[in-house]
């Protein structure tokens, strides 16, 4: 609803400029995600697949708790657990008991997962460059990075 349809009361409606910025941001996110997802599909990976593989690869042992991974992705543990089941069926990851939490489990990157990530990473990086990084001037990229950090800070 735009400012033209503003009603009196406690609702803080967006100004025309705020609404323009919000809608532009949403279109940008959707466009970049859609394009990078299409490029990952060539490797048989979804965006969540790549997120799981790449974040596990950042860990020295390629392992994370399901709870930590779900929090990193902004997903519930049950949603990630269902997704992990599909990734396990493709031998990209395996689950192991969590020695510190009898109710939890560890997600472990398999050799197939490492190989798949090594094959997909150059495509993904080129896609991120083509659809995002290379379309911005260095100062625009720096400003966007600062904005993203500000918005993703814990309240």
N, C-alpha and C. Protein backbone atom coordinates (compact mmCIF):
# COMPACT_ATOMS: atom_id res chain seq x y z
N UNK A 1 0.86 -1.17 0.00
CA UNK A 1 0.00 0.00 0.00
C UNK A 1 0.90 1.23 0.00
N UNK A 2 0.66 2.14 -0.85
CA UNK A 2 1.50 3.33 -0.97
C UNK A 2 1.01 4.45 -0.09
N UNK A 3 1.77 5.53 -0.09
CA UNK A 3 1.41 6.69 0.73
C UNK A 3 0.12 7.32 0.25
N UNK A 4 -0.27 7.10 -1.00
CA UNK A 4 -1.53 7.65 -1.51
C UNK A 4 -2.73 7.04 -0.80
N UNK A 5 -2.53 5.84 -0.25
CA UNK A 5 -3.63 5.14 0.41
C UNK A 5 -3.46 5.17 1.93
N UNK A 6 -2.70 6.14 2.42
CA UNK A 6 -2.39 6.24 3.84
C UNK A 6 -3.66 6.50 4.65
N UNK A 7 -3.77 5.79 5.74
CA UNK A 7 -4.86 6.00 6.68
C UNK A 7 -4.26 6.61 7.94
N UNK A 8 -5.06 7.33 8.66
CA UNK A 8 -4.60 7.89 9.93
C UNK A 8 -4.44 6.76 10.93
N UNK A 9 -3.52 6.91 11.86
CA UNK A 9 -3.35 5.91 12.89
C UNK A 9 -1.89 5.65 13.16
N UNK A 10 -1.62 4.52 13.82
CA UNK A 10 -0.28 4.19 14.29
C UNK A 10 0.62 3.60 13.21
N UNK A 11 0.07 3.23 12.08
CA UNK A 11 0.87 2.61 11.02
C UNK A 11 1.79 3.65 10.40
N UNK A 12 3.08 3.30 10.33
CA UNK A 12 4.05 4.19 9.69
C UNK A 12 4.21 3.75 8.24
N UNK A 13 3.41 4.30 7.35
CA UNK A 13 3.45 3.93 5.94
C UNK A 13 4.76 4.38 5.35
N UNK A 14 5.19 3.70 4.32
CA UNK A 14 6.41 4.07 3.62
C UNK A 14 6.18 5.32 2.79
N UNK A 15 7.19 6.17 2.75
CA UNK A 15 7.13 7.30 1.84
C UNK A 15 7.35 6.76 0.43
N UNK A 16 7.12 7.57 -0.56
CA UNK A 16 7.32 7.14 -1.95
C UNK A 16 8.77 6.70 -2.16
N UNK A 17 9.72 7.45 -1.60
CA UNK A 17 11.14 7.11 -1.75
C UNK A 17 11.48 5.81 -1.01
N UNK A 18 10.94 5.62 0.19
CA UNK A 18 11.17 4.39 0.95
C UNK A 18 10.59 3.18 0.22
N UNK A 19 9.39 3.35 -0.31
CA UNK A 19 8.75 2.26 -1.06
C UNK A 19 9.54 1.93 -2.32
N UNK A 20 10.03 2.95 -3.02
CA UNK A 20 10.84 2.73 -4.21
C UNK A 20 12.10 1.94 -3.86
N UNK A 21 12.77 2.34 -2.77
CA UNK A 21 13.99 1.64 -2.35
C UNK A 21 13.69 0.20 -1.95
N UNK A 22 12.61 -0.01 -1.20
CA UNK A 22 12.24 -1.36 -0.78
C UNK A 22 11.96 -2.26 -1.97
N UNK A 23 11.17 -1.77 -2.89
CA UNK A 23 10.81 -2.58 -4.06
C UNK A 23 12.04 -2.84 -4.94
N UNK A 24 12.91 -1.86 -5.07
CA UNK A 24 14.14 -2.04 -5.85
C UNK A 24 15.02 -3.10 -5.20
N UNK A 25 15.13 -3.06 -3.88
CA UNK A 25 15.91 -4.06 -3.16
C UNK A 25 15.35 -5.46 -3.40
N UNK A 26 14.03 -5.61 -3.26
CA UNK A 26 13.39 -6.91 -3.47
C UNK A 26 13.62 -7.43 -4.89
N UNK A 27 13.46 -6.55 -5.88
CA UNK A 27 13.69 -6.95 -7.28
C UNK A 27 15.14 -7.37 -7.49
N UNK A 28 16.08 -6.64 -6.87
CA UNK A 28 17.50 -6.97 -7.00
C UNK A 28 17.78 -8.36 -6.42
N UNK A 29 17.31 -8.61 -5.22
CA UNK A 29 17.56 -9.91 -4.57
C UNK A 29 16.98 -11.04 -5.41
N UNK A 30 15.75 -10.87 -5.87
CA UNK A 30 15.11 -11.91 -6.68
C UNK A 30 15.87 -12.13 -7.98
N UNK A 31 16.28 -11.06 -8.64
CA UNK A 31 17.00 -11.18 -9.91
C UNK A 31 18.33 -11.89 -9.73
N UNK A 32 19.11 -11.49 -8.73
CA UNK A 32 20.43 -12.11 -8.51
C UNK A 32 20.26 -13.57 -8.11
N UNK A 33 19.32 -13.85 -7.19
CA UNK A 33 19.11 -15.24 -6.78
C UNK A 33 18.65 -16.11 -7.94
N UNK A 34 17.71 -15.62 -8.72
CA UNK A 34 17.19 -16.40 -9.85
C UNK A 34 18.31 -16.74 -10.82
N UNK A 35 19.14 -15.77 -11.13
CA UNK A 35 20.22 -15.99 -12.10
C UNK A 35 21.29 -16.92 -11.57
N UNK A 36 21.69 -16.75 -10.31
CA UNK A 36 22.73 -17.63 -9.76
C UNK A 36 22.21 -19.04 -9.56
N UNK A 37 20.92 -19.18 -9.22
CA UNK A 37 20.32 -20.51 -9.07
C UNK A 37 20.31 -21.24 -10.41
N UNK A 38 19.99 -20.52 -11.47
CA UNK A 38 19.98 -21.14 -12.80
C UNK A 38 21.38 -21.65 -13.15
N UNK A 39 22.40 -20.90 -12.80
CA UNK A 39 23.76 -21.33 -13.10
C UNK A 39 24.17 -22.53 -12.26
N UNK A 40 23.75 -22.59 -11.00
CA UNK A 40 24.06 -23.75 -10.16
C UNK A 40 23.35 -25.01 -10.64
N UNK A 41 22.19 -24.85 -11.25
CA UNK A 41 21.42 -26.00 -11.71
C UNK A 41 22.21 -26.84 -12.71
N UNK A 42 23.14 -26.23 -13.41
CA UNK A 42 23.97 -26.99 -14.35
C UNK A 42 24.79 -28.07 -13.64
N UNK A 43 24.98 -27.89 -12.33
CA UNK A 43 25.72 -28.88 -11.53
C UNK A 43 24.79 -29.74 -10.68
N UNK A 44 23.49 -29.62 -10.93
CA UNK A 44 22.51 -30.40 -10.17
C UNK A 44 22.35 -29.93 -8.74
N UNK A 45 22.69 -28.67 -8.48
CA UNK A 45 22.60 -28.13 -7.13
C UNK A 45 21.55 -27.03 -7.03
N UNK A 46 20.89 -26.99 -5.89
CA UNK A 46 20.01 -25.88 -5.57
C UNK A 46 20.81 -24.86 -4.77
N UNK A 47 20.24 -23.70 -4.56
CA UNK A 47 20.92 -22.69 -3.73
C UNK A 47 21.15 -23.21 -2.30
N UNK A 48 20.15 -23.85 -1.66
CA UNK A 48 20.41 -24.40 -0.33
C UNK A 48 21.48 -25.50 -0.33
N UNK A 49 21.52 -26.33 -1.37
CA UNK A 49 22.58 -27.34 -1.48
C UNK A 49 23.94 -26.66 -1.42
N UNK A 50 24.10 -25.63 -2.25
CA UNK A 50 25.39 -24.94 -2.33
C UNK A 50 25.72 -24.27 -1.01
N UNK A 51 24.73 -23.69 -0.36
CA UNK A 51 24.94 -23.04 0.93
C UNK A 51 25.46 -24.04 1.96
N UNK A 52 24.83 -25.20 2.03
CA UNK A 52 25.26 -26.24 2.97
C UNK A 52 26.68 -26.69 2.64
N UNK A 53 26.93 -27.02 1.38
CA UNK A 53 28.26 -27.50 0.99
C UNK A 53 29.34 -26.45 1.25
N UNK A 54 29.08 -25.21 0.85
CA UNK A 54 30.12 -24.19 0.99
C UNK A 54 30.37 -23.83 2.45
N UNK A 55 29.33 -23.77 3.27
CA UNK A 55 29.58 -23.44 4.68
C UNK A 55 30.26 -24.60 5.41
N UNK A 56 29.91 -25.84 5.07
CA UNK A 56 30.64 -26.97 5.67
C UNK A 56 32.10 -26.96 5.23
N UNK A 57 32.36 -26.57 4.00
CA UNK A 57 33.74 -26.57 3.51
C UNK A 57 34.60 -25.52 4.23
N UNK A 58 33.97 -24.52 4.82
CA UNK A 58 34.71 -23.48 5.55
C UNK A 58 35.18 -23.96 6.92
N UNK A 59 34.64 -25.07 7.37
CA UNK A 59 35.03 -25.64 8.65
C UNK A 59 36.24 -26.53 8.44
N UNK A 60 37.20 -26.51 9.36
CA UNK A 60 38.42 -27.31 9.17
C UNK A 60 38.17 -28.79 8.90
N UNK A 61 37.16 -29.35 9.53
CA UNK A 61 36.87 -30.77 9.34
C UNK A 61 35.65 -31.03 8.47
N UNK A 62 35.11 -29.98 7.83
CA UNK A 62 33.94 -30.14 6.98
C UNK A 62 32.70 -30.58 7.73
N UNK A 63 32.62 -30.20 9.01
CA UNK A 63 31.54 -30.67 9.88
C UNK A 63 30.92 -29.51 10.64
N UNK A 64 29.60 -29.57 10.82
CA UNK A 64 28.89 -28.59 11.62
C UNK A 64 27.70 -29.29 12.27
N UNK A 65 27.23 -28.74 13.37
CA UNK A 65 26.01 -29.30 13.94
C UNK A 65 24.83 -28.87 13.08
N UNK A 66 23.80 -29.67 13.08
CA UNK A 66 22.58 -29.33 12.35
C UNK A 66 22.03 -28.00 12.89
N UNK A 67 22.10 -27.84 14.21
CA UNK A 67 21.60 -26.61 14.84
C UNK A 67 22.36 -25.37 14.34
N UNK A 68 23.69 -25.43 14.29
CA UNK A 68 24.50 -24.29 13.82
C UNK A 68 24.22 -23.99 12.35
N UNK A 69 24.11 -25.03 11.55
CA UNK A 69 23.87 -24.85 10.13
C UNK A 69 22.49 -24.24 9.88
N UNK A 70 21.49 -24.70 10.60
CA UNK A 70 20.14 -24.17 10.45
C UNK A 70 20.11 -22.69 10.83
N UNK A 71 20.79 -22.34 11.91
CA UNK A 71 20.84 -20.94 12.34
C UNK A 71 21.54 -20.08 11.29
N UNK A 72 22.60 -20.59 10.72
CA UNK A 72 23.36 -19.84 9.70
C UNK A 72 22.50 -19.58 8.47
N UNK A 73 21.64 -20.53 8.12
CA UNK A 73 20.79 -20.41 6.94
C UNK A 73 19.46 -19.72 7.23
N UNK A 74 19.14 -19.50 8.51
CA UNK A 74 17.86 -18.92 8.85
C UNK A 74 16.71 -19.90 8.69
N UNK A 75 17.01 -21.18 8.82
CA UNK A 75 16.02 -22.24 8.66
C UNK A 75 15.73 -22.86 10.01
N UNK A 76 14.58 -23.53 10.12
CA UNK A 76 14.30 -24.35 11.30
C UNK A 76 15.14 -25.63 11.18
N UNK A 77 15.36 -26.27 12.33
CA UNK A 77 16.12 -27.53 12.29
C UNK A 77 15.36 -28.59 11.52
N UNK A 78 14.04 -28.62 11.64
CA UNK A 78 13.27 -29.66 10.92
C UNK A 78 13.36 -29.43 9.41
N UNK A 79 13.31 -28.19 8.97
CA UNK A 79 13.42 -27.92 7.53
C UNK A 79 14.79 -28.36 7.02
N UNK A 80 15.86 -28.00 7.75
CA UNK A 80 17.20 -28.40 7.32
C UNK A 80 17.35 -29.91 7.40
N UNK A 81 16.77 -30.54 8.40
CA UNK A 81 16.85 -31.99 8.51
C UNK A 81 16.26 -32.68 7.29
N UNK A 82 15.11 -32.19 6.84
CA UNK A 82 14.50 -32.77 5.62
C UNK A 82 15.39 -32.54 4.40
N UNK A 83 15.97 -31.33 4.31
CA UNK A 83 16.85 -31.05 3.18
C UNK A 83 18.12 -31.92 3.26
N UNK A 84 18.64 -32.07 4.46
CA UNK A 84 19.84 -32.91 4.65
C UNK A 84 19.57 -34.35 4.23
N UNK A 85 18.36 -34.83 4.47
CA UNK A 85 18.00 -36.19 4.04
C UNK A 85 18.13 -36.32 2.53
N UNK A 86 17.67 -35.31 1.80
CA UNK A 86 17.77 -35.34 0.33
C UNK A 86 19.25 -35.26 -0.10
N UNK A 87 20.03 -34.45 0.61
CA UNK A 87 21.45 -34.35 0.26
C UNK A 87 22.20 -35.65 0.60
N UNK A 88 21.80 -36.31 1.69
CA UNK A 88 22.39 -37.60 2.05
C UNK A 88 22.12 -38.64 0.97
N UNK A 89 20.92 -38.64 0.42
CA UNK A 89 20.55 -39.60 -0.61
C UNK A 89 21.42 -39.44 -1.84
N UNK A 90 21.96 -38.25 -2.05
CA UNK A 90 22.85 -37.98 -3.18
C UNK A 90 24.32 -38.08 -2.78
N UNK A 91 24.58 -38.52 -1.54
CA UNK A 91 25.92 -38.71 -0.98
C UNK A 91 26.74 -37.41 -0.94
N UNK A 92 26.06 -36.27 -0.80
CA UNK A 92 26.77 -34.98 -0.68
C UNK A 92 27.22 -34.73 0.76
N UNK A 93 26.42 -35.20 1.70
CA UNK A 93 26.74 -35.09 3.12
C UNK A 93 26.34 -36.39 3.80
N UNK A 94 26.81 -36.56 5.03
CA UNK A 94 26.32 -37.66 5.86
C UNK A 94 26.08 -37.09 7.25
N UNK A 95 25.27 -37.78 7.99
CA UNK A 95 25.02 -37.38 9.38
C UNK A 95 25.84 -38.26 10.30
N UNK A 96 26.23 -37.66 11.42
CA UNK A 96 26.94 -38.41 12.46
C UNK A 96 26.37 -37.96 13.80
N UNK A 97 26.44 -38.83 14.80
CA UNK A 97 25.96 -38.43 16.13
C UNK A 97 26.79 -37.25 16.65
N UNK A 98 26.13 -36.34 17.34
CA UNK A 98 26.82 -35.21 17.96
C UNK A 98 27.24 -35.64 19.36
N UNK A 99 28.54 -35.75 19.61
CA UNK A 99 29.00 -36.24 20.92
C UNK A 99 28.66 -35.28 22.07
N UNK A 100 28.36 -34.03 21.76
CA UNK A 100 28.05 -33.06 22.81
C UNK A 100 26.55 -32.88 23.03
N UNK A 101 25.74 -33.46 22.14
CA UNK A 101 24.28 -33.30 22.23
C UNK A 101 23.63 -34.59 21.75
N UNK A 102 23.16 -35.38 22.68
CA UNK A 102 22.58 -36.68 22.34
C UNK A 102 21.36 -36.59 21.44
N UNK A 103 20.69 -35.42 21.41
CA UNK A 103 19.51 -35.26 20.56
C UNK A 103 19.87 -34.68 19.19
N UNK A 104 21.06 -34.13 19.06
CA UNK A 104 21.46 -33.48 17.81
C UNK A 104 22.28 -34.38 16.93
N UNK A 105 22.67 -33.84 15.79
CA UNK A 105 23.54 -34.59 14.90
C UNK A 105 24.51 -33.62 14.22
N UNK A 106 25.54 -34.20 13.66
CA UNK A 106 26.52 -33.44 12.89
C UNK A 106 26.24 -33.66 11.42
N UNK A 107 26.45 -32.61 10.62
CA UNK A 107 26.42 -32.74 9.16
C UNK A 107 27.87 -32.76 8.71
N UNK A 108 28.22 -33.76 7.92
CA UNK A 108 29.61 -33.96 7.51
C UNK A 108 29.67 -33.99 5.99
N UNK A 109 30.56 -33.20 5.45
CA UNK A 109 30.77 -33.15 4.00
C UNK A 109 31.45 -34.45 3.56
N UNK A 110 30.88 -35.13 2.57
CA UNK A 110 31.47 -36.37 2.05
C UNK A 110 32.46 -36.04 0.92
N UNK A 111 33.19 -37.05 0.48
CA UNK A 111 34.09 -36.85 -0.66
C UNK A 111 33.31 -36.42 -1.90
N UNK A 112 32.14 -37.04 -2.10
CA UNK A 112 31.29 -36.64 -3.23
C UNK A 112 30.87 -35.18 -3.08
N UNK A 113 30.56 -34.78 -1.86
CA UNK A 113 30.19 -33.39 -1.60
C UNK A 113 31.34 -32.44 -1.89
N UNK A 114 32.54 -32.81 -1.44
CA UNK A 114 33.74 -31.98 -1.73
C UNK A 114 33.94 -31.88 -3.24
N UNK A 115 33.87 -33.01 -3.94
CA UNK A 115 34.08 -33.01 -5.40
C UNK A 115 33.03 -32.16 -6.10
N UNK A 116 31.78 -32.30 -5.68
CA UNK A 116 30.69 -31.52 -6.29
C UNK A 116 30.92 -30.03 -6.06
N UNK A 117 31.34 -29.67 -4.85
CA UNK A 117 31.60 -28.27 -4.54
C UNK A 117 32.77 -27.74 -5.37
N UNK A 118 33.84 -28.52 -5.48
CA UNK A 118 34.99 -28.10 -6.30
C UNK A 118 34.59 -27.86 -7.76
N UNK A 119 33.69 -28.70 -8.27
CA UNK A 119 33.22 -28.53 -9.65
C UNK A 119 32.30 -27.33 -9.80
N UNK A 120 31.44 -27.10 -8.81
CA UNK A 120 30.44 -26.04 -8.91
C UNK A 120 30.97 -24.66 -8.53
N UNK A 121 31.98 -24.60 -7.67
CA UNK A 121 32.46 -23.30 -7.16
C UNK A 121 32.88 -22.33 -8.26
N UNK A 122 33.66 -22.75 -9.26
CA UNK A 122 34.02 -21.78 -10.31
C UNK A 122 32.79 -21.22 -11.05
N UNK A 123 31.82 -22.07 -11.32
CA UNK A 123 30.59 -21.62 -11.97
C UNK A 123 29.85 -20.63 -11.08
N UNK A 124 29.75 -20.97 -9.81
CA UNK A 124 29.03 -20.09 -8.88
C UNK A 124 29.74 -18.74 -8.74
N UNK A 125 31.06 -18.78 -8.60
CA UNK A 125 31.81 -17.52 -8.46
C UNK A 125 31.68 -16.66 -9.71
N UNK A 126 31.76 -17.28 -10.86
CA UNK A 126 31.58 -16.53 -12.11
C UNK A 126 30.17 -15.94 -12.18
N UNK A 127 29.19 -16.70 -11.73
CA UNK A 127 27.81 -16.23 -11.73
C UNK A 127 27.64 -15.04 -10.79
N UNK A 128 28.21 -15.13 -9.59
CA UNK A 128 28.14 -14.01 -8.64
C UNK A 128 28.81 -12.78 -9.23
N UNK A 129 29.95 -12.98 -9.87
CA UNK A 129 30.63 -11.84 -10.51
C UNK A 129 29.75 -11.24 -11.62
N UNK A 130 29.26 -12.08 -12.50
CA UNK A 130 28.51 -11.61 -13.66
C UNK A 130 27.20 -10.92 -13.28
N UNK A 131 26.50 -11.49 -12.30
CA UNK A 131 25.17 -10.98 -11.96
C UNK A 131 25.16 -9.97 -10.82
N UNK A 132 26.32 -9.78 -10.15
CA UNK A 132 26.33 -8.91 -8.99
C UNK A 132 27.60 -8.04 -8.92
N UNK A 133 28.73 -8.63 -8.61
CA UNK A 133 29.96 -7.87 -8.32
C UNK A 133 30.38 -6.98 -9.48
N UNK A 134 30.47 -7.54 -10.68
CA UNK A 134 30.98 -6.78 -11.82
C UNK A 134 30.01 -5.72 -12.32
N UNK A 135 28.80 -5.72 -11.82
CA UNK A 135 27.81 -4.71 -12.24
C UNK A 135 27.87 -3.46 -11.36
N UNK A 136 28.71 -3.51 -10.33
CA UNK A 136 28.81 -2.40 -9.39
C UNK A 136 30.21 -1.79 -9.42
N UNK A 137 30.26 -0.50 -9.18
CA UNK A 137 31.55 0.17 -9.00
C UNK A 137 32.09 -0.23 -7.63
N UNK A 138 33.41 -0.17 -7.43
CA UNK A 138 33.97 -0.56 -6.13
C UNK A 138 33.35 0.19 -4.94
N UNK A 139 33.08 1.48 -5.11
CA UNK A 139 32.47 2.23 -4.00
C UNK A 139 31.02 1.82 -3.76
N UNK A 140 30.31 1.41 -4.81
CA UNK A 140 28.94 0.92 -4.65
C UNK A 140 28.94 -0.42 -3.90
N UNK A 141 29.89 -1.28 -4.27
CA UNK A 141 30.01 -2.57 -3.61
C UNK A 141 30.35 -2.39 -2.14
N UNK A 142 31.27 -1.46 -1.84
CA UNK A 142 31.63 -1.19 -0.44
C UNK A 142 30.43 -0.66 0.34
N UNK A 143 29.68 0.26 -0.27
CA UNK A 143 28.50 0.81 0.40
C UNK A 143 27.46 -0.28 0.64
N UNK A 144 27.25 -1.14 -0.34
CA UNK A 144 26.28 -2.22 -0.18
C UNK A 144 26.72 -3.17 0.93
N UNK A 145 28.02 -3.44 1.01
CA UNK A 145 28.54 -4.29 2.08
C UNK A 145 28.27 -3.68 3.45
N UNK A 146 28.49 -2.38 3.58
CA UNK A 146 28.22 -1.69 4.85
C UNK A 146 26.73 -1.73 5.18
N UNK A 147 25.90 -1.51 4.19
CA UNK A 147 24.45 -1.55 4.41
C UNK A 147 24.03 -2.95 4.85
N UNK A 148 24.53 -3.97 4.18
CA UNK A 148 24.17 -5.35 4.53
C UNK A 148 24.59 -5.67 5.96
N UNK A 149 25.80 -5.27 6.34
CA UNK A 149 26.26 -5.52 7.71
C UNK A 149 25.37 -4.81 8.71
N UNK A 150 24.98 -3.58 8.42
CA UNK A 150 24.12 -2.82 9.33
C UNK A 150 22.76 -3.49 9.50
N UNK A 151 22.19 -3.96 8.40
CA UNK A 151 20.85 -4.56 8.46
C UNK A 151 20.88 -5.94 9.10
N UNK A 152 21.96 -6.69 8.93
CA UNK A 152 22.01 -8.04 9.47
C UNK A 152 22.51 -8.08 10.91
N UNK A 153 22.88 -6.94 11.49
CA UNK A 153 23.28 -6.90 12.90
C UNK A 153 22.11 -7.35 13.76
N UNK A 154 22.42 -8.01 14.86
CA UNK A 154 21.38 -8.41 15.81
C UNK A 154 20.79 -7.16 16.44
N UNK A 155 19.49 -7.17 16.62
CA UNK A 155 18.83 -6.02 17.28
C UNK A 155 18.85 -6.18 18.77
